Amino acid sequence: IVKPAKAPASGLAAGFNKGFIVTRRDMPQRPSETKGRKSKRNQLIREVIREVVGFAPYERRIIELLKIGSASTQKRALKLAKRRLGTHKRGKKKR
């Protein structure tokens, strides 16, 4: 996530760009900023595991429902995913 560049300060005490004029320093990236990013290594490991292990029974059922493709089966697939995973958001992400 990149923050938008701030407009330079005007040196005045009031207004949009109020504040003392200083030179902006580039700070090193914090570990918290890189958290959650996919690394090449982990991506490969996950791919291999998925290939070897395959899908869980409920995932296979969802795939089967989605292959049919009608609106009602898509809804049924979402309901199934939601029930298994706990939240609507997780269910949407899974299907």
N, C-alpha and C. Protein backbone atom coordinates (compact mmCIF):
# COMPACT_ATOMS: atom_id res chain seq x y z
N ILE A 1 0.86 -1.17 0.00
CA ILE A 1 0.00 0.00 0.00
C ILE A 1 0.90 1.23 0.00
N VAL A 2 0.71 2.07 -1.01
CA VAL A 2 1.53 3.27 -1.14
C VAL A 2 0.68 4.47 -0.77
N LYS A 3 1.20 5.29 0.15
CA LYS A 3 0.48 6.50 0.55
C LYS A 3 0.64 7.57 -0.53
N PRO A 4 -0.41 8.35 -0.78
CA PRO A 4 -0.28 9.42 -1.77
C PRO A 4 0.71 10.48 -1.28
N ALA A 5 1.42 11.11 -2.20
CA ALA A 5 2.42 12.12 -1.84
C ALA A 5 1.73 13.33 -1.23
N LYS A 6 2.25 13.79 -0.10
CA LYS A 6 1.69 14.97 0.55
C LYS A 6 2.19 16.22 -0.15
N ALA A 7 1.31 17.21 -0.25
CA ALA A 7 1.73 18.48 -0.84
C ALA A 7 2.75 19.14 0.08
N PRO A 8 3.73 19.83 -0.49
CA PRO A 8 4.75 20.45 0.37
C PRO A 8 4.13 21.52 1.26
N ALA A 9 4.67 21.64 2.46
CA ALA A 9 4.15 22.61 3.42
C ALA A 9 4.45 24.03 2.94
N SER A 10 3.56 24.96 3.29
CA SER A 10 3.70 26.34 2.82
C SER A 10 4.54 27.19 3.76
N GLY A 11 4.71 26.74 5.00
CA GLY A 11 5.43 27.53 5.98
C GLY A 11 4.51 28.45 6.76
N LEU A 12 3.22 28.45 6.41
CA LEU A 12 2.24 29.26 7.12
C LEU A 12 1.56 28.43 8.21
N ALA A 13 1.00 29.11 9.21
CA ALA A 13 0.38 28.41 10.32
C ALA A 13 -1.04 27.94 10.01
N ALA A 14 -1.65 28.46 8.95
CA ALA A 14 -3.02 28.10 8.62
C ALA A 14 -3.11 27.73 7.14
N GLY A 15 -4.21 27.08 6.78
CA GLY A 15 -4.44 26.74 5.38
C GLY A 15 -4.28 25.25 5.13
N PHE A 16 -4.45 24.85 3.88
CA PHE A 16 -4.41 23.43 3.52
C PHE A 16 -3.04 22.81 3.77
N ASN A 17 -2.00 23.45 3.30
CA ASN A 17 -0.65 22.88 3.41
C ASN A 17 0.13 23.56 4.53
N LYS A 18 -0.55 23.81 5.65
CA LYS A 18 0.08 24.52 6.75
C LYS A 18 1.23 23.71 7.34
N GLY A 19 2.17 24.39 7.96
CA GLY A 19 3.23 23.69 8.67
C GLY A 19 4.62 24.14 8.28
N PHE A 20 5.56 23.75 9.11
CA PHE A 20 6.97 24.09 8.92
C PHE A 20 7.52 23.36 7.71
N ILE A 21 8.35 24.00 6.90
CA ILE A 21 8.91 23.38 5.71
C ILE A 21 10.08 22.49 6.11
N VAL A 22 9.95 21.21 5.80
CA VAL A 22 11.01 20.24 6.11
C VAL A 22 11.29 19.40 4.87
N THR A 23 12.45 18.75 4.82
CA THR A 23 12.74 17.83 3.71
C THR A 23 12.26 16.44 4.10
N ARG A 24 11.52 15.80 3.21
CA ARG A 24 10.98 14.47 3.47
C ARG A 24 12.08 13.44 3.34
N ARG A 25 12.14 12.50 4.30
CA ARG A 25 13.13 11.43 4.24
C ARG A 25 12.46 10.12 3.80
N ASP A 26 13.16 9.33 2.99
CA ASP A 26 12.66 8.01 2.64
C ASP A 26 13.02 7.06 3.76
N MET A 27 12.00 6.51 4.41
CA MET A 27 12.24 5.60 5.53
C MET A 27 12.28 4.16 5.01
N PRO A 28 13.07 3.30 5.67
CA PRO A 28 13.07 1.88 5.26
C PRO A 28 11.70 1.25 5.54
N GLN A 29 11.36 0.24 4.75
CA GLN A 29 10.07 -0.41 4.90
C GLN A 29 10.01 -1.18 6.21
N ARG A 30 8.90 -1.07 6.91
CA ARG A 30 8.72 -1.80 8.17
C ARG A 30 8.24 -3.21 7.89
N PRO A 31 8.57 -4.16 8.76
CA PRO A 31 8.11 -5.53 8.56
C PRO A 31 6.59 -5.63 8.47
N SER A 32 5.88 -4.75 9.22
CA SER A 32 4.42 -4.79 9.22
C SER A 32 3.84 -4.42 7.85
N GLU A 33 4.61 -3.70 7.04
CA GLU A 33 4.13 -3.31 5.70
C GLU A 33 4.23 -4.47 4.72
N THR A 34 5.16 -5.41 4.99
CA THR A 34 5.33 -6.53 4.07
C THR A 34 4.51 -7.74 4.50
N LYS A 35 3.87 -7.67 5.67
CA LYS A 35 3.11 -8.79 6.20
C LYS A 35 1.93 -9.13 5.28
N GLY A 36 1.74 -10.41 5.06
CA GLY A 36 0.61 -10.86 4.26
C GLY A 36 0.91 -10.93 2.78
N ARG A 37 2.09 -10.53 2.35
CA ARG A 37 2.45 -10.60 0.94
C ARG A 37 2.88 -12.01 0.58
N LYS A 38 2.51 -12.48 -0.59
CA LYS A 38 2.87 -13.84 -0.99
C LYS A 38 4.32 -13.89 -1.44
N SER A 39 5.07 -14.83 -0.87
CA SER A 39 6.44 -15.02 -1.33
C SER A 39 6.43 -16.12 -2.38
N LYS A 40 7.42 -16.11 -3.27
CA LYS A 40 7.49 -17.10 -4.35
C LYS A 40 7.55 -18.51 -3.76
N ARG A 41 8.35 -18.64 -2.68
CA ARG A 41 8.58 -19.94 -2.06
C ARG A 41 7.27 -20.51 -1.50
N ASN A 42 6.55 -19.70 -0.72
CA ASN A 42 5.30 -20.16 -0.13
C ASN A 42 4.25 -20.47 -1.18
N GLN A 43 4.23 -19.69 -2.24
CA GLN A 43 3.28 -19.92 -3.32
C GLN A 43 3.53 -21.29 -3.95
N LEU A 44 4.81 -21.60 -4.19
CA LEU A 44 5.18 -22.89 -4.77
C LEU A 44 4.79 -24.03 -3.84
N ILE A 45 5.08 -23.87 -2.54
CA ILE A 45 4.77 -24.90 -1.55
C ILE A 45 3.27 -25.17 -1.53
N ARG A 46 2.47 -24.09 -1.51
CA ARG A 46 1.02 -24.25 -1.49
C ARG A 46 0.50 -24.94 -2.74
N GLU A 47 1.10 -24.60 -3.89
CA GLU A 47 0.72 -25.22 -5.16
C GLU A 47 0.96 -26.72 -5.11
N VAL A 48 2.15 -27.11 -4.64
CA VAL A 48 2.52 -28.52 -4.58
C VAL A 48 1.59 -29.27 -3.63
N ILE A 49 1.32 -28.68 -2.47
CA ILE A 49 0.44 -29.32 -1.49
C ILE A 49 -0.95 -29.52 -2.08
N ARG A 50 -1.48 -28.49 -2.74
CA ARG A 50 -2.81 -28.58 -3.34
C ARG A 50 -2.86 -29.68 -4.40
N GLU A 51 -1.76 -29.79 -5.17
CA GLU A 51 -1.66 -30.80 -6.22
C GLU A 51 -1.68 -32.20 -5.62
N VAL A 52 -0.93 -32.40 -4.55
CA VAL A 52 -0.79 -33.72 -3.93
C VAL A 52 -2.05 -34.10 -3.17
N VAL A 53 -2.55 -33.18 -2.34
CA VAL A 53 -3.65 -33.49 -1.43
C VAL A 53 -5.01 -33.42 -2.14
N GLY A 54 -5.16 -32.47 -3.06
CA GLY A 54 -6.44 -32.32 -3.75
C GLY A 54 -7.41 -31.48 -2.95
N PHE A 55 -8.71 -31.66 -3.21
CA PHE A 55 -9.73 -30.85 -2.57
C PHE A 55 -10.43 -31.62 -1.47
N ALA A 56 -10.95 -30.88 -0.50
CA ALA A 56 -11.77 -31.48 0.56
C ALA A 56 -13.12 -31.85 -0.04
N PRO A 57 -13.82 -32.81 0.56
CA PRO A 57 -15.12 -33.23 0.01
C PRO A 57 -16.10 -32.08 -0.20
N TYR A 58 -16.16 -31.15 0.76
CA TYR A 58 -17.10 -30.03 0.59
C TYR A 58 -16.68 -29.13 -0.56
N GLU A 59 -15.35 -29.00 -0.79
CA GLU A 59 -14.86 -28.20 -1.92
C GLU A 59 -15.23 -28.85 -3.24
N ARG A 60 -15.11 -30.18 -3.29
CA ARG A 60 -15.50 -30.90 -4.51
C ARG A 60 -16.98 -30.70 -4.81
N ARG A 61 -17.78 -30.70 -3.74
CA ARG A 61 -19.23 -30.50 -3.91
C ARG A 61 -19.53 -29.11 -4.44
N ILE A 62 -18.81 -28.12 -3.92
CA ILE A 62 -18.98 -26.73 -4.38
C ILE A 62 -18.60 -26.62 -5.86
N ILE A 63 -17.48 -27.24 -6.24
CA ILE A 63 -17.02 -27.22 -7.64
C ILE A 63 -18.09 -27.84 -8.54
N GLU A 64 -18.66 -28.95 -8.08
CA GLU A 64 -19.70 -29.65 -8.83
C GLU A 64 -20.92 -28.74 -9.03
N LEU A 65 -21.32 -28.05 -7.96
CA LEU A 65 -22.46 -27.14 -8.05
C LEU A 65 -22.17 -25.98 -9.00
N LEU A 66 -20.95 -25.47 -8.96
CA LEU A 66 -20.60 -24.34 -9.83
C LEU A 66 -20.50 -24.75 -11.30
N LYS A 67 -20.16 -26.03 -11.55
CA LYS A 67 -20.09 -26.52 -12.93
C LYS A 67 -21.45 -26.49 -13.59
N ILE A 68 -22.51 -26.76 -12.82
CA ILE A 68 -23.87 -26.73 -13.35
C ILE A 68 -24.19 -25.32 -13.84
N GLY A 69 -23.82 -24.32 -13.02
CA GLY A 69 -23.81 -22.94 -13.50
C GLY A 69 -25.09 -22.14 -13.43
N SER A 70 -26.23 -22.75 -13.06
CA SER A 70 -27.45 -21.94 -12.96
C SER A 70 -27.39 -21.08 -11.71
N ALA A 71 -28.21 -20.04 -11.68
CA ALA A 71 -28.19 -19.08 -10.57
C ALA A 71 -28.50 -19.76 -9.24
N SER A 72 -29.45 -20.68 -9.26
CA SER A 72 -29.85 -21.34 -8.02
C SER A 72 -28.73 -22.23 -7.47
N THR A 73 -28.00 -22.90 -8.35
CA THR A 73 -26.90 -23.76 -7.87
C THR A 73 -25.71 -22.91 -7.39
N GLN A 74 -25.53 -21.74 -8.00
CA GLN A 74 -24.48 -20.84 -7.53
C GLN A 74 -24.80 -20.36 -6.12
N LYS A 75 -26.07 -20.06 -5.89
CA LYS A 75 -26.50 -19.63 -4.56
C LYS A 75 -26.33 -20.77 -3.56
N ARG A 76 -26.69 -21.97 -3.98
CA ARG A 76 -26.57 -23.15 -3.13
C ARG A 76 -25.09 -23.37 -2.76
N ALA A 77 -24.20 -23.17 -3.76
CA ALA A 77 -22.76 -23.34 -3.53
C ALA A 77 -22.26 -22.33 -2.51
N LEU A 78 -22.75 -21.09 -2.62
CA LEU A 78 -22.35 -20.05 -1.67
C LEU A 78 -22.86 -20.38 -0.27
N LYS A 79 -24.10 -20.87 -0.19
CA LYS A 79 -24.68 -21.23 1.11
C LYS A 79 -23.88 -22.36 1.76
N LEU A 80 -23.47 -23.33 0.95
CA LEU A 80 -22.67 -24.45 1.44
C LEU A 80 -21.32 -23.96 1.95
N ALA A 81 -20.66 -23.12 1.14
CA ALA A 81 -19.35 -22.59 1.52
C ALA A 81 -19.46 -21.76 2.79
N LYS A 82 -20.52 -20.98 2.87
CA LYS A 82 -20.74 -20.11 4.03
C LYS A 82 -20.93 -20.96 5.30
N ARG A 83 -21.69 -22.03 5.16
CA ARG A 83 -21.95 -22.90 6.31
C ARG A 83 -20.67 -23.57 6.79
N ARG A 84 -19.83 -23.99 5.84
CA ARG A 84 -18.60 -24.71 6.21
C ARG A 84 -17.52 -23.78 6.77
N LEU A 85 -17.46 -22.55 6.23
CA LEU A 85 -16.34 -21.66 6.57
C LEU A 85 -16.69 -20.62 7.63
N GLY A 86 -17.97 -20.44 7.92
CA GLY A 86 -18.32 -19.57 9.03
C GLY A 86 -18.84 -18.20 8.68
N THR A 87 -18.29 -17.55 7.63
CA THR A 87 -18.76 -16.20 7.30
C THR A 87 -19.08 -16.08 5.82
N HIS A 88 -19.91 -15.09 5.53
CA HIS A 88 -20.33 -14.82 4.14
C HIS A 88 -19.10 -14.45 3.29
N LYS A 89 -18.24 -13.62 3.86
CA LYS A 89 -17.05 -13.14 3.14
C LYS A 89 -16.14 -14.30 2.75
N ARG A 90 -15.89 -15.21 3.70
CA ARG A 90 -15.04 -16.39 3.43
C ARG A 90 -15.67 -17.28 2.37
N GLY A 91 -17.00 -17.41 2.45
CA GLY A 91 -17.72 -18.23 1.47
C GLY A 91 -17.58 -17.67 0.07
N LYS A 92 -17.71 -16.33 -0.06
CA LYS A 92 -17.59 -15.69 -1.36
C LYS A 92 -16.18 -15.88 -1.93
N LYS A 93 -15.18 -15.76 -1.03
CA LYS A 93 -13.80 -15.90 -1.46
C LYS A 93 -13.51 -17.33 -1.94
N LYS A 94 -14.10 -18.30 -1.26
CA LYS A 94 -13.85 -19.71 -1.57
C LYS A 94 -14.43 -20.10 -2.93
N ARG A 95 -15.66 -19.65 -3.21
CA ARG A 95 -16.26 -20.04 -4.50
C ARG A 95 -15.63 -19.21 -5.56
